[in-house]
Amino acid sequence: MWWFETTVLSYKGFNMSQLNIDEAWLNISSMFGIPVWLYVLSDNCQECPFQKFLEYPILANFSYKSTMNVQYGTTFRFRTEGNSTHVSVSDDEFKVCDLPAKLGEFGVYSIFVENESSNGPGPHCVLKCDLEPVDIYLPIFGTLFFWIIIGLICSSVAKNKTSLIAGLKLIMCRIPFVQRSLLVDRVMPPENHEPDSQSLNASKVTSNSEAEQCNRTLGEHEANVSEVAPLVESPTGSQSVQSVRRDCVKERLKSLDAFRGLCILIMIFVDDGGGNYYFFRHCTWDGLYVADLAFPWFIWICGVCIPLSLHSKKSSGSPKLPIFFVILKRSIKLILLGLMVNTSTRATAAQLENLRFPGVLQRFGICYFVGASLFLWDSRECTSSDTSQNRPHNQATENLSRLERWKVCFDDIAAISFPWMLVIACATLHTVLIFTLHVPHCPTGYLGPGGLHRNNSISKQCVGGTTGYVDRLIFGQHHIHNRPTSKAVYDSGPFDPEGLLGVLTSLLQIWLGVQAGLILLTYRSSSARVYRFLTWSAFCGIVGLLLCGGFKNEGWIPVNKNLWSLSFVLVTSSAALMLLTVLYLVVDVFKLWSGSPLMETGMNSILLYLGHEVCHAMLPWHYSYGRMETHISRLFESSWGTVLWITFAIYLHKRKLFFVV
């Protein structure tokens, strides 16, 4: 698949086939009178020093060839001294010139330093593009177009198959013998096929259970966490009981399943490499890329489903203690599964002396336990807050007193007011600890990656500040993640992005989801739900932006997935609320889209996650052919594995097989 990303195999002595993905050729030369050394600084390394690029000096009138990673922008610096491995960005007395540049994949560039230039006297750096780079974004559109065509073909085949079966049945019905047989079967039941008492009793039980369900409060939830009250108005005096019973049918919100499915597909795609595009991976430290959204969104949507799954059990008067033990049992299962997943990453991961304790499912299990327990024990019954439902038909909204207006507006918040206080206290404790707790040999309140950060003045053991220190203190250095995203860039020490201190802010993440789920219970009309979703989204987004200052690396609390910072929780929750609003309107309100295949994927999300973690390096989900040093080859491989899991989820859905923990 080279034709997508290169046009020639060699160019003026440069072997283009030797280039790896996101690399380019550099032709380095000098017209300076004395030897110079080349140093580089990547835009991905914030507040870092320049690092030596070549170990040998660049002599006058000589050229040197070298490959270079061009995934991020780079600043080149020529110096007259090369004894130091790292040099400061400022106060460099040996600096000749600096040259910021953004190079492209599979390009050929000439970079040189000269004594004088047309811009004025003195040394000057020059960058020249000899061979234009390739378009690395074309494979994204090509791969997306390919899978859309495949999806349309498969959908058309499935519809034609259904039509073919229906046509065959219609033809068979027109055959006289078959038609008479069907008529006899309909009019006269076969011998010994009288309905027995057992089937009649089952029929009565079913009808009775349906009647009982319709007699319950609208919005009650039992079996499925994605079922909520239908979008209908409550009965008025002119409505009959039969019409109420017809309307009293649970509505499954497909948008919740679609949201959950999107989260798991993002997880699978980015874990498979995401085509080796940097914006599909995790941020090195501060910032937000696509992979950083999946896990917080998954925790958030778990919170949305907690009120939907526990509301009916609480309303029916079921004892809370057995429900609590079910919650505890599920949380323990998630934590144990997380430990098992940690041992599948590499051959030595199962060694007890190096077993990683924190993890994705461990964090998920703890947050679910706390969030579900708080809602179970400390939430009051919350009736529907739509004014038209709680009041007589002839009473207008303007006749409400000011106190009643406030109750209507904040009924969903007041229902879980005490848990909100606890969650806010946890987030406050997290903020106080990261800024005030003293970490040995590290600046107080430090939130950076350590290592090369701040011009190589911070120890690599200071990675994450208080967050990393707490994990090393409790778990030990050998039981946390030894290869964090910051290690390759900043030369950081061991750090776990799913550590203990991040649980405090993760509780806020899941509780914001609980609040969204309670909105679905409290407000029955789609307009009221959407209004509340957008209000909460705007509030979380504004506060999050204020905390980070609207910048990637600045502000009081930067957006950081590794630290699970407060601004990260608020910004990702804001995006989750906005996305759920869009899905809710498109899938459930206007019904412009069925939610497939995200809906089927979301209904077996845990199974797909576990299956991917175990099978991600196996055929047929993963394959390798040749060097695969292009975006198109890796992108197709990543999307291939993702599409296979989607197909598997659709198969399970058609067979009505669902895996729950």
Foldseek 3Di string as FASTA:
>chain_A
DCVQWDDDCDDPHRGLVPDFFQKEKEKEAEQDPAWKFKWKDFPLFPLFFTFGDDQDTHGHPDIDMDMDRQLTKMKMWIFRDDPDGTDHPPDDPRTQDIDTDRAAASWYKYKYWHQQDPVGGGIDIDIDTPGHGGDQCVLVVVLVVVVVVVVVVVVVVVVVVVVVVVVVVVVQCPPVVSVVVVVCCVPPPDPPPDDDPVVVVVVVVVVVVLVVQLVDAAQAAADDLQKGGAQDADDAPPDDPVVSSVRRDIDGQLLLLLLLLVLLLLCLLVVLPVLVNPLSHARLWFDDGSNLQNLLLNLLSLLLSLCRHCVNCVVVPHDLVVVLVVLVVQLVVLQVLQQVLQCQPDPCCPPPQQPARFGSSNLSSVLSSVSNVLCSPQFDDAAALDPCRPDHNPDDPVVDDPVSVVCSVCVLCVRNVVVVVVLVVLLVVLVCCLQAPDDPQADHNDQAQAASRNHRPGHLQCGRPRQQRVCCVPVNQSRAAQDRSNCVPRVHGGAHLRGDSLSSLSNVSSNLSNSLSSLSSHHSHLVSSLVVLLVLLVVLQVVLCQQQVVDRPHHPWGQTSSNNHNSVSSNSSSVSSVSSNVSSCCCPNPNVDVSPPSSLSSQASVVLNSVCSNPVCDPPLADDDPPQSGSSSSNSSSVSNSVVSSVVSVVCVVVVHGDDD
